Amino acid sequence: MGFQKGVLRLEGTVGGITFYKGAQGFMAREKGGISKDRIKNDPAFARTRENLAEFTSAVKAGKFIRDLLRPLSSGIADGTVSNRLTRIMSAIQKLDAVSDRGQRNVYTALQDPTANALLQGFRFNQNVDIRSVITQPLQLDTTTGEIEYLEPLVPTNDVVAPPGATHVKLQGAVVDMDFSTLTGTTYYSNVQVLPLTSDPVNIALSIGNLPAATVLRMFLIRVDFRQQVNGSDYNLSNGAYNGLQVLAVG
């Protein structure tokens, strides 16, 4: 490492020398680091290769979930979803008690029922717990995918709404996920839009003819708030109260 002298100060890499501005001024050093070829082939980096392989697998598994739910999570997912799902997939991988190190994977790990619990309750907007936004207890039928609230909702009492909202929209979904092939199907319930009034409303979010599960199945609910003006429906500029949440996995 050396100091740059003279009137002209450089930044960047030229001829294997990296020029940069540091705390002590403009510096220059020879470009170094470990080559990709060495990481790929040197026995000393076997653990690194194993960690990279499993991290890549976890990233793909998280992206698979995001892609399946992209239509449902649109306008709700926050900027941390990708990293949070990757962390969960990595934690699930570690429950794979069969595969060799470097080959542990989400599909095998999910044969352990305790792995499902790591996804349960996941929020696509981490700041919104739907059970706190709608305070009435709900009931999920994991055979039909139907979501019901046990008592009629009185929106002015049971819904914590943001300023400016006039309506709340609810929808359920069931997602079938085959992590061995990274393929899946999303089934959507009906949508219910409720005015934020004191009138009680029965809630039933149903999926017609849901087939029997053959792969891992995830159940979700989406809640978002709307503003209606003169019969037209608008998104609220503040979407902080909107949420999509995993209710159960199995």
C-alpha atoms as a PDB file:
ATOM      1  CA  MET A   1       0.000   0.000   0.000  1.00  0.00           C
ATOM      2  CA  GLY A   2       1.288   3.462  -0.852  1.00  0.00           C
ATOM      3  CA  PHE A   3       0.270   7.101  -1.068  1.00  0.00           C
ATOM      4  CA  GLN A   4      -0.610   8.804  -4.343  1.00  0.00           C
ATOM      5  CA  LYS A   5       1.591  11.831  -5.028  1.00  0.00           C
ATOM      6  CA  GLY A   6       1.239  14.605  -7.541  1.00  0.00           C
ATOM      7  CA  VAL A   7      -1.608  16.809  -8.693  1.00  0.00           C
ATOM      8  CA  LEU A   8      -3.691  14.066 -10.345  1.00  0.00           C
ATOM      9  CA  ARG A   9      -5.595  11.811  -7.943  1.00  0.00           C
ATOM     10  CA  LEU A  10      -6.954   8.508  -9.258  1.00  0.00           C
ATOM     11  CA  GLU A  11      -9.775   6.237  -8.173  1.00  0.00           C
ATOM     12  CA  GLY A  12     -10.424   2.797  -9.649  1.00  0.00           C
ATOM     13  CA  THR A  13      -8.256  -0.080 -10.860  1.00  0.00           C
ATOM     14  CA  VAL A  14      -5.612   0.241 -13.564  1.00  0.00           C
ATOM     15  CA  GLY A  15      -3.148  -2.512 -14.494  1.00  0.00           C
ATOM     16  CA  GLY A  16      -3.769  -4.488 -11.320  1.00  0.00           C
ATOM     17  CA  ILE A  17      -3.313  -1.433  -9.088  1.00  0.00           C
ATOM     18  CA  THR A  18      -6.338  -0.134  -7.159  1.00  0.00           C
ATOM     19  CA  PHE A  19      -6.468   3.596  -6.517  1.00  0.00           C
ATOM     20  CA  TYR A  20      -8.819   4.849  -3.800  1.00  0.00           C
ATOM     21  CA  LYS A  21      -9.437   7.574  -1.234  1.00  0.00           C
ATOM     22  CA  GLY A  22      -8.964   6.375   2.326  1.00  0.00           C
ATOM     23  CA  ALA A  23      -8.926   7.949   5.769  1.00  0.00           C
ATOM     24  CA  GLN A  24      -5.270   8.928   5.281  1.00  0.00           C
ATOM     25  CA  GLY A  25      -5.748  10.402   1.834  1.00  0.00           C
ATOM     26  CA  PHE A  26      -5.436   9.031  -1.698  1.00  0.00           C
ATOM     27  CA  MET A  27      -3.919   5.567  -1.631  1.00  0.00           C
ATOM     28  CA  ALA A  28      -2.787   2.866  -4.058  1.00  0.00           C
ATOM     29  CA  ARG A  29      -2.420  -0.854  -3.562  1.00  0.00           C
ATOM     30  CA  GLU A  30      -1.941  -3.960  -5.628  1.00  0.00           C
ATOM     31  CA  LYS A  31      -5.209  -5.707  -6.399  1.00  0.00           C
ATOM     32  CA  GLY A  32      -5.380  -8.887  -4.380  1.00  0.00           C
ATOM     33  CA  GLY A  33      -7.859 -11.404  -3.025  1.00  0.00           C
ATOM     34  CA  ILE A  34      -8.498 -15.069  -3.534  1.00  0.00           C
ATOM     35  CA  SER A  35      -9.229 -16.172  -7.081  1.00  0.00           C
ATOM     36  CA  LYS A  36     -12.527 -17.839  -7.958  1.00  0.00           C
ATOM     37  CA  ASP A  37     -10.631 -20.778  -9.398  1.00  0.00           C
ATOM     38  CA  ARG A  38      -8.868 -21.373  -6.074  1.00  0.00           C
ATOM     39  CA  ILE A  39     -12.135 -21.236  -4.136  1.00  0.00           C
ATOM     40  CA  LYS A  40     -13.684 -23.726  -6.582  1.00  0.00           C
ATOM     41  CA  ASN A  41     -10.815 -26.218  -6.514  1.00  0.00           C
ATOM     42  CA  ASP A  42      -8.512 -25.793  -3.514  1.00  0.00           C
ATOM     43  CA  PRO A  43      -9.191 -28.445  -0.811  1.00  0.00           C
ATOM     44  CA  ALA A  44      -8.542 -25.751   1.785  1.00  0.00           C
ATOM     45  CA  PHE A  45     -11.784 -24.069   0.723  1.00  0.00           C
ATOM     46  CA  ALA A  46     -14.016 -27.155   0.943  1.00  0.00           C
ATOM     47  CA  ARG A  47     -16.047 -25.669   3.807  1.00  0.00           C
ATOM     48  CA  THR A  48     -16.449 -22.420   1.873  1.00  0.00           C
ATOM     49  CA  ARG A  49     -17.790 -24.310  -1.146  1.00  0.00           C
ATOM     50  CA  GLU A  50     -20.227 -26.229   1.042  1.00  0.00           C
ATOM     51  CA  ASN A  51     -21.484 -23.047   2.683  1.00  0.00           C
ATOM     52  CA  LEU A  52     -21.884 -21.319  -0.680  1.00  0.00           C
ATOM     53  CA  ALA A  53     -23.811 -24.273  -2.105  1.00  0.00           C
ATOM     54  CA  GLU A  54     -26.263 -24.310   0.797  1.00  0.00           C
ATOM     55  CA  PHE A  55     -26.642 -20.538   0.796  1.00  0.00           C
ATOM     56  CA  THR A  56     -27.434 -20.615  -2.933  1.00  0.00           C
ATOM     57  CA  SER A  57     -30.016 -23.344  -2.326  1.00  0.00           C
ATOM     58  CA  ALA A  58     -31.644 -21.272   0.444  1.00  0.00           C
ATOM     59  CA  VAL A  59     -31.796 -18.193  -1.790  1.00  0.00           C
ATOM     60  CA  LYS A  60     -33.512 -20.211  -4.539  1.00  0.00           C
ATOM     61  CA  ALA A  61     -36.050 -21.635  -2.070  1.00  0.00           C
ATOM     62  CA  GLY A  62     -36.901 -18.175  -0.768  1.00  0.00           C
ATOM     63  CA  LYS A  63     -37.259 -16.793  -4.294  1.00  0.00           C
ATOM     64  CA  PHE A  64     -39.534 -19.711  -5.147  1.00  0.00           C
ATOM     65  CA  ILE A  65     -41.946 -18.673  -2.381  1.00  0.00           C
ATOM     66  CA  ARG A  66     -41.784 -15.002  -3.368  1.00  0.00           C
ATOM     67  CA  ASP A  67     -42.520 -15.820  -6.995  1.00  0.00           C
ATOM     68  CA  LEU A  68     -45.509 -17.987  -6.100  1.00  0.00           C
ATOM     69  CA  LEU A  69     -46.964 -15.215  -3.954  1.00  0.00           C
ATOM     70  CA  ARG A  70     -45.979 -12.203  -6.040  1.00  0.00           C
ATOM     71  CA  PRO A  71     -49.559 -11.432  -7.210  1.00  0.00           C
ATOM     72  CA  LEU A  72     -50.871 -11.676  -3.650  1.00  0.00           C
ATOM     73  CA  SER A  73     -48.001  -9.783  -2.012  1.00  0.00           C
ATOM     74  CA  SER A  74     -47.989  -6.924  -4.523  1.00  0.00           C
ATOM     75  CA  GLY A  75     -48.157  -3.616  -2.676  1.00  0.00           C
ATOM     76  CA  ILE A  76     -47.596  -5.322   0.671  1.00  0.00           C
ATOM     77  CA  ALA A  77     -44.169  -6.980   0.735  1.00  0.00           C
ATOM     78  CA  ASP A  78     -41.546  -4.774   2.385  1.00  0.00           C
ATOM     79  CA  GLY A  79     -37.912  -4.428   1.376  1.00  0.00           C
ATOM     80  CA  THR A  80     -36.731  -7.051   3.849  1.00  0.00           C
ATOM     81  CA  VAL A  81     -38.775 -10.010   2.560  1.00  0.00           C
ATOM     82  CA  SER A  82     -35.990 -11.515   0.458  1.00  0.00           C
ATOM     83  CA  ASN A  83     -33.413 -11.506   3.255  1.00  0.00           C
ATOM     84  CA  ARG A  84     -35.880 -12.704   5.888  1.00  0.00           C
ATOM     85  CA  LEU A  85     -37.072 -15.615   3.756  1.00  0.00           C
ATOM     86  CA  THR A  86     -33.476 -16.590   2.944  1.00  0.00           C
ATOM     87  CA  ARG A  87     -32.676 -16.690   6.681  1.00  0.00           C
ATOM     88  CA  ILE A  88     -35.682 -18.912   7.318  1.00  0.00           C
ATOM     89  CA  MET A  89     -34.781 -21.235   4.438  1.00  0.00           C
ATOM     90  CA  SER A  90     -31.224 -21.479   5.789  1.00  0.00           C
ATOM     91  CA  ALA A  91     -32.567 -22.363   9.240  1.00  0.00           C
ATOM     92  CA  ILE A  92     -34.857 -24.988   7.711  1.00  0.00           C
ATOM     93  CA  GLN A  93     -31.958 -26.489   5.743  1.00  0.00           C
ATOM     94  CA  LYS A  94     -30.053 -27.082   8.945  1.00  0.00           C
ATOM     95  CA  LEU A  95     -32.833 -29.469  10.030  1.00  0.00           C
ATOM     96  CA  ASP A  96     -31.889 -31.800   7.156  1.00  0.00           C
ATOM     97  CA  ALA A  97     -30.438 -34.690   9.163  1.00  0.00           C
ATOM     98  CA  VAL A  98     -29.870 -36.941   6.127  1.00  0.00           C
ATOM     99  CA  SER A  99     -27.876 -35.103   3.451  1.00  0.00           C
ATOM    100  CA  ASP A 100     -24.124 -34.499   3.526  1.00  0.00           C
ATOM    101  CA  ARG A 101     -22.819 -31.065   4.463  1.00  0.00           C
ATOM    102  CA  GLY A 102     -23.037 -28.821   1.419  1.00  0.00           C
ATOM    103  CA  GLN A 103     -26.010 -30.790   0.100  1.00  0.00           C
ATOM    104  CA  ARG A 104     -28.524 -30.104   2.853  1.00  0.00           C
ATOM    105  CA  ASN A 105     -31.712 -28.775   1.316  1.00  0.00           C
ATOM    106  CA  VAL A 106     -35.143 -27.416   2.165  1.00  0.00           C
ATOM    107  CA  TYR A 107     -37.068 -30.286   0.566  1.00  0.00           C
ATOM    108  CA  THR A 108     -35.419 -32.953   2.718  1.00  0.00           C
ATOM    109  CA  ALA A 109     -35.503 -30.791   5.831  1.00  0.00           C
ATOM    110  CA  LEU A 110     -39.254 -30.261   5.495  1.00  0.00           C
ATOM    111  CA  GLN A 111     -39.822 -33.970   6.056  1.00  0.00           C
ATOM    112  CA  ASP A 112     -39.243 -32.990   9.690  1.00  0.00           C
ATOM    113  CA  PRO A 113     -42.568 -31.456  10.863  1.00  0.00           C
ATOM    114  CA  THR A 114     -40.732 -29.053  13.160  1.00  0.00           C
ATOM    115  CA  ALA A 115     -39.360 -27.289  10.064  1.00  0.00           C
ATOM    116  CA  ASN A 116     -42.856 -26.136   9.090  1.00  0.00           C
ATOM    117  CA  ALA A 117     -43.103 -24.072  12.253  1.00  0.00           C
ATOM    118  CA  LEU A 118     -40.277 -21.799  11.065  1.00  0.00           C
ATOM    119  CA  LEU A 119     -42.506 -20.487   8.256  1.00  0.00           C
ATOM    120  CA  GLN A 120     -45.682 -20.241  10.289  1.00  0.00           C
ATOM    121  CA  GLY A 121     -46.659 -16.667  11.094  1.00  0.00           C
ATOM    122  CA  PHE A 122     -44.297 -15.165   8.495  1.00  0.00           C
ATOM    123  CA  ARG A 123     -45.298 -11.585   7.626  1.00  0.00           C
ATOM    124  CA  PHE A 124     -44.617 -10.106   4.201  1.00  0.00           C
ATOM    125  CA  ASN A 125     -44.914  -6.710   5.870  1.00  0.00           C
ATOM    126  CA  GLN A 126     -42.933  -7.380   9.020  1.00  0.00           C
ATOM    127  CA  ASN A 127     -44.587  -4.477  10.855  1.00  0.00           C
ATOM    128  CA  VAL A 128     -48.134  -5.797  10.449  1.00  0.00           C
ATOM    129  CA  ASP A 129     -49.521  -8.674  12.501  1.00  0.00           C
ATOM    130  CA  ILE A 130     -52.935  -9.261  10.936  1.00  0.00           C
ATOM    131  CA  ARG A 131     -54.232 -10.768  14.162  1.00  0.00           C
ATOM    132  CA  SER A 132     -53.622  -7.371  15.765  1.00  0.00           C
ATOM    133  CA  VAL A 133     -55.140  -5.418  12.859  1.00  0.00           C
ATOM    134  CA  ILE A 134     -58.331  -7.502  12.995  1.00  0.00           C
ATOM    135  CA  THR A 135     -58.825  -8.335  16.635  1.00  0.00           C
ATOM    136  CA  GLN A 136     -61.570 -10.971  16.326  1.00  0.00           C
ATOM    137  CA  PRO A 137     -60.243 -14.584  16.453  1.00  0.00           C
ATOM    138  CA  LEU A 138     -60.306 -16.437  13.151  1.00  0.00           C
ATOM    139  CA  GLN A 139     -60.724 -20.106  12.325  1.00  0.00           C
ATOM    140  CA  LEU A 140     -58.861 -21.873   9.516  1.00  0.00           C
ATOM    141  CA  ASP A 141     -60.039 -25.148   7.974  1.00  0.00           C
ATOM    142  CA  THR A 142     -56.864 -26.751   6.605  1.00  0.00           C
ATOM    143  CA  THR A 143     -58.884 -29.248   4.558  1.00  0.00           C
ATOM    144  CA  THR A 144     -60.926 -26.709   2.570  1.00  0.00           C
ATOM    145  CA  GLY A 145     -58.739 -23.635   3.042  1.00  0.00           C
ATOM    146  CA  GLU A 146     -61.725 -21.671   4.341  1.00  0.00           C
ATOM    147  CA  ILE A 147     -61.074 -18.799   6.746  1.00  0.00           C
ATOM    148  CA  GLU A 148     -63.884 -17.662   9.019  1.00  0.00           C
ATOM    149  CA  TYR A 149     -64.138 -15.203  11.860  1.00  0.00           C
ATOM    150  CA  LEU A 150     -65.939 -16.822  14.756  1.00  0.00           C
ATOM    151  CA  GLU A 151     -68.138 -13.806  15.392  1.00  0.00           C
ATOM    152  CA  PRO A 152     -69.472 -11.207  12.950  1.00  0.00           C
ATOM    153  CA  LEU A 153     -66.960  -8.397  12.526  1.00  0.00           C
ATOM    154  CA  VAL A 154     -67.982  -4.946  13.653  1.00  0.00           C
ATOM    155  CA  PRO A 155     -65.357  -2.950  11.725  1.00  0.00           C
ATOM    156  CA  THR A 156     -65.427   0.140  13.925  1.00  0.00           C
ATOM    157  CA  ASN A 157     -64.676  -2.080  16.940  1.00  0.00           C
ATOM    158  CA  ASP A 158     -62.694  -4.993  15.526  1.00  0.00           C
ATOM    159  CA  VAL A 159     -60.510  -3.408  12.832  1.00  0.00           C
ATOM    160  CA  VAL A 160     -57.515  -1.165  13.560  1.00  0.00           C
ATOM    161  CA  ALA A 161     -57.592   1.074  10.491  1.00  0.00           C
ATOM    162  CA  PRO A 162     -55.237   3.829   9.330  1.00  0.00           C
ATOM    163  CA  PRO A 163     -56.407   7.431   8.943  1.00  0.00           C
ATOM    164  CA  GLY A 164     -58.254   8.014   5.686  1.00  0.00           C
ATOM    165  CA  ALA A 165     -59.378   4.409   5.197  1.00  0.00           C
ATOM    166  CA  THR A 166     -63.050   3.866   4.417  1.00  0.00           C
ATOM    167  CA  HIS A 167     -62.951   0.131   3.607  1.00  0.00           C
ATOM    168  CA  VAL A 168     -60.921  -2.961   4.395  1.00  0.00           C
ATOM    169  CA  LYS A 169     -60.357  -5.792   1.903  1.00  0.00           C
ATOM    170  CA  LEU A 170     -59.719  -9.413   2.925  1.00  0.00           C
ATOM    171  CA  GLN A 171     -58.610 -12.402   0.861  1.00  0.00           C
ATOM    172  CA  GLY A 172     -57.292 -15.854   1.671  1.00  0.00           C
ATOM    173  CA  ALA A 173     -54.919 -18.062  -0.291  1.00  0.00           C
ATOM    174  CA  VAL A 174     -53.541 -21.585  -0.272  1.00  0.00           C
ATOM    175  CA  VAL A 175     -50.155 -22.330  -1.820  1.00  0.00           C
ATOM    176  CA  ASP A 176     -48.959 -25.811  -2.758  1.00  0.00           C
ATOM    177  CA  MET A 177     -45.143 -25.948  -2.861  1.00  0.00           C
ATOM    178  CA  ASP A 178     -42.975 -28.756  -4.205  1.00  0.00           C
ATOM    179  CA  PHE A 179     -39.456 -27.869  -3.101  1.00  0.00           C
ATOM    180  CA  SER A 180     -37.979 -30.883  -4.900  1.00  0.00           C
ATOM    181  CA  THR A 181     -38.838 -29.355  -8.290  1.00  0.00           C
ATOM    182  CA  LEU A 182     -39.462 -25.726  -7.246  1.00  0.00           C
ATOM    183  CA  THR A 183     -42.945 -25.826  -8.736  1.00  0.00           C
ATOM    184  CA  GLY A 184     -46.207 -24.873  -7.121  1.00  0.00           C
ATOM    185  CA  THR A 185     -49.753 -23.598  -7.425  1.00  0.00           C
ATOM    186  CA  THR A 186     -51.586 -20.773  -5.675  1.00  0.00           C
ATOM    187  CA  TYR A 187     -55.326 -20.951  -5.009  1.00  0.00           C
ATOM    188  CA  TYR A 188     -57.211 -17.770  -4.156  1.00  0.00           C
ATOM    189  CA  SER A 189     -60.350 -17.276  -2.104  1.00  0.00           C
ATOM    190  CA  ASN A 190     -63.124 -14.843  -2.766  1.00  0.00           C
ATOM    191  CA  VAL A 191     -62.504 -11.215  -1.803  1.00  0.00           C
ATOM    192  CA  GLN A 192     -64.588  -9.435   0.831  1.00  0.00           C
ATOM    193  CA  VAL A 193     -64.575  -5.640   1.029  1.00  0.00           C
ATOM    194  CA  LEU A 194     -66.086  -4.190   4.192  1.00  0.00           C
ATOM    195  CA  PRO A 195     -67.044  -0.578   4.864  1.00  0.00           C
ATOM    196  CA  LEU A 196     -65.535   0.645   8.107  1.00  0.00           C
ATOM    197  CA  THR A 197     -68.869   1.120   9.816  1.00  0.00           C
ATOM    198  CA  SER A 198     -70.580  -0.236  12.904  1.00  0.00           C
ATOM    199  CA  ASP A 199     -72.626  -2.753  10.897  1.00  0.00           C
ATOM    200  CA  PRO A 200     -71.723  -6.384  11.782  1.00  0.00           C
ATOM    201  CA  VAL A 201     -70.517  -8.520   8.858  1.00  0.00           C
ATOM    202  CA  ASN A 202     -69.978 -12.285   8.614  1.00  0.00           C
ATOM    203  CA  ILE A 203     -66.627 -13.176   7.055  1.00  0.00           C
ATOM    204  CA  ALA A 204     -66.085 -16.371   5.060  1.00  0.00           C
ATOM    205  CA  LEU A 205     -63.119 -16.586   2.671  1.00  0.00           C
ATOM    206  CA  SER A 206     -63.578 -19.784   0.675  1.00  0.00           C
ATOM    207  CA  ILE A 207     -61.675 -21.627  -2.023  1.00  0.00           C
ATOM    208  CA  GLY A 208     -63.935 -23.747  -4.191  1.00  0.00           C
ATOM    209  CA  ASN A 209     -62.938 -27.364  -4.828  1.00  0.00           C
ATOM    210  CA  LEU A 210     -59.503 -27.234  -3.244  1.00  0.00           C
ATOM    211  CA  PRO A 211     -57.746 -30.475  -4.261  1.00  0.00           C
ATOM    212  CA  ALA A 212     -56.250 -32.782  -1.670  1.00  0.00           C
ATOM    213  CA  ALA A 213     -52.715 -31.834  -0.686  1.00  0.00           C
ATOM    214  CA  THR A 214     -49.894 -33.858  -2.239  1.00  0.00           C
ATOM    215  CA  VAL A 215     -47.029 -31.489  -1.314  1.00  0.00           C
ATOM    216  CA  LEU A 216     -46.331 -28.949   1.392  1.00  0.00           C
ATOM    217  CA  ARG A 217     -49.270 -26.554   1.751  1.00  0.00           C
ATOM    218  CA  MET A 218     -49.241 -23.010   3.126  1.00  0.00           C
ATOM    219  CA  PHE A 219     -52.307 -20.980   4.176  1.00  0.00           C
ATOM    220  CA  LEU A 220     -52.329 -17.184   4.143  1.00  0.00           C
ATOM    221  CA  ILE A 221     -54.556 -14.167   4.636  1.00  0.00           C
ATOM    222  CA  ARG A 222     -54.187 -10.719   3.087  1.00  0.00           C
ATOM    223  CA  VAL A 223     -55.671  -7.534   4.525  1.00  0.00           C
ATOM    224  CA  ASP A 224     -55.409  -4.123   2.939  1.00  0.00           C
ATOM    225  CA  PHE A 225     -57.136  -0.821   3.433  1.00  0.00           C
ATOM    226  CA  ARG A 226     -58.864   1.254   0.767  1.00  0.00           C
ATOM    227  CA  GLN A 227     -60.441   4.633   0.359  1.00  0.00           C
ATOM    228  CA  GLN A 228     -63.629   5.003  -1.660  1.00  0.00           C
ATOM    229  CA  VAL A 229     -64.572   8.429  -2.977  1.00  0.00           C
ATOM    230  CA  ASN A 230     -67.714   8.935  -5.065  1.00  0.00           C
ATOM    231  CA  GLY A 231     -67.862   5.246  -5.901  1.00  0.00           C
ATOM    232  CA  SER A 232     -64.221   4.961  -6.972  1.00  0.00           C
ATOM    233  CA  ASP A 233     -61.723   2.773  -5.119  1.00  0.00           C
ATOM    234  CA  TYR A 234     -58.228   4.090  -4.296  1.00  0.00           C
ATOM    235  CA  ASN A 235     -55.069   2.732  -2.710  1.00  0.00           C
ATOM    236  CA  LEU A 236     -54.051   4.571   0.420  1.00  0.00           C
ATOM    237  CA  SER A 237     -50.748   6.385   0.044  1.00  0.00           C
ATOM    238  CA  ASN A 238     -49.789   4.940   3.434  1.00  0.00           C
ATOM    239  CA  GLY A 239     -49.719   1.148   3.073  1.00  0.00           C
ATOM    240  CA  ALA A 240     -48.149   0.594   6.485  1.00  0.00           C
ATOM    241  CA  TYR A 241     -51.258  -1.185   7.804  1.00  0.00           C
ATOM    242  CA  ASN A 242     -51.557  -3.631   4.883  1.00  0.00           C
ATOM    243  CA  GLY A 243     -50.409  -7.174   5.524  1.00  0.00           C
ATOM    244  CA  LEU A 244     -50.011 -10.688   4.134  1.00  0.00           C
ATOM    245  CA  GLN A 245     -49.374 -13.382   6.724  1.00  0.00           C
ATOM    246  CA  VAL A 246     -48.844 -17.132   6.865  1.00  0.00           C
ATOM    247  CA  LEU A 247     -51.491 -18.716   9.097  1.00  0.00           C
ATOM    248  CA  ALA A 248     -50.393 -22.345   8.902  1.00  0.00           C
ATOM    249  CA  VAL A 249     -48.017 -24.700   7.083  1.00  0.00           C
ATOM    250  CA  GLY A 250     -48.508 -28.416   6.720  1.00  0.00           C
END
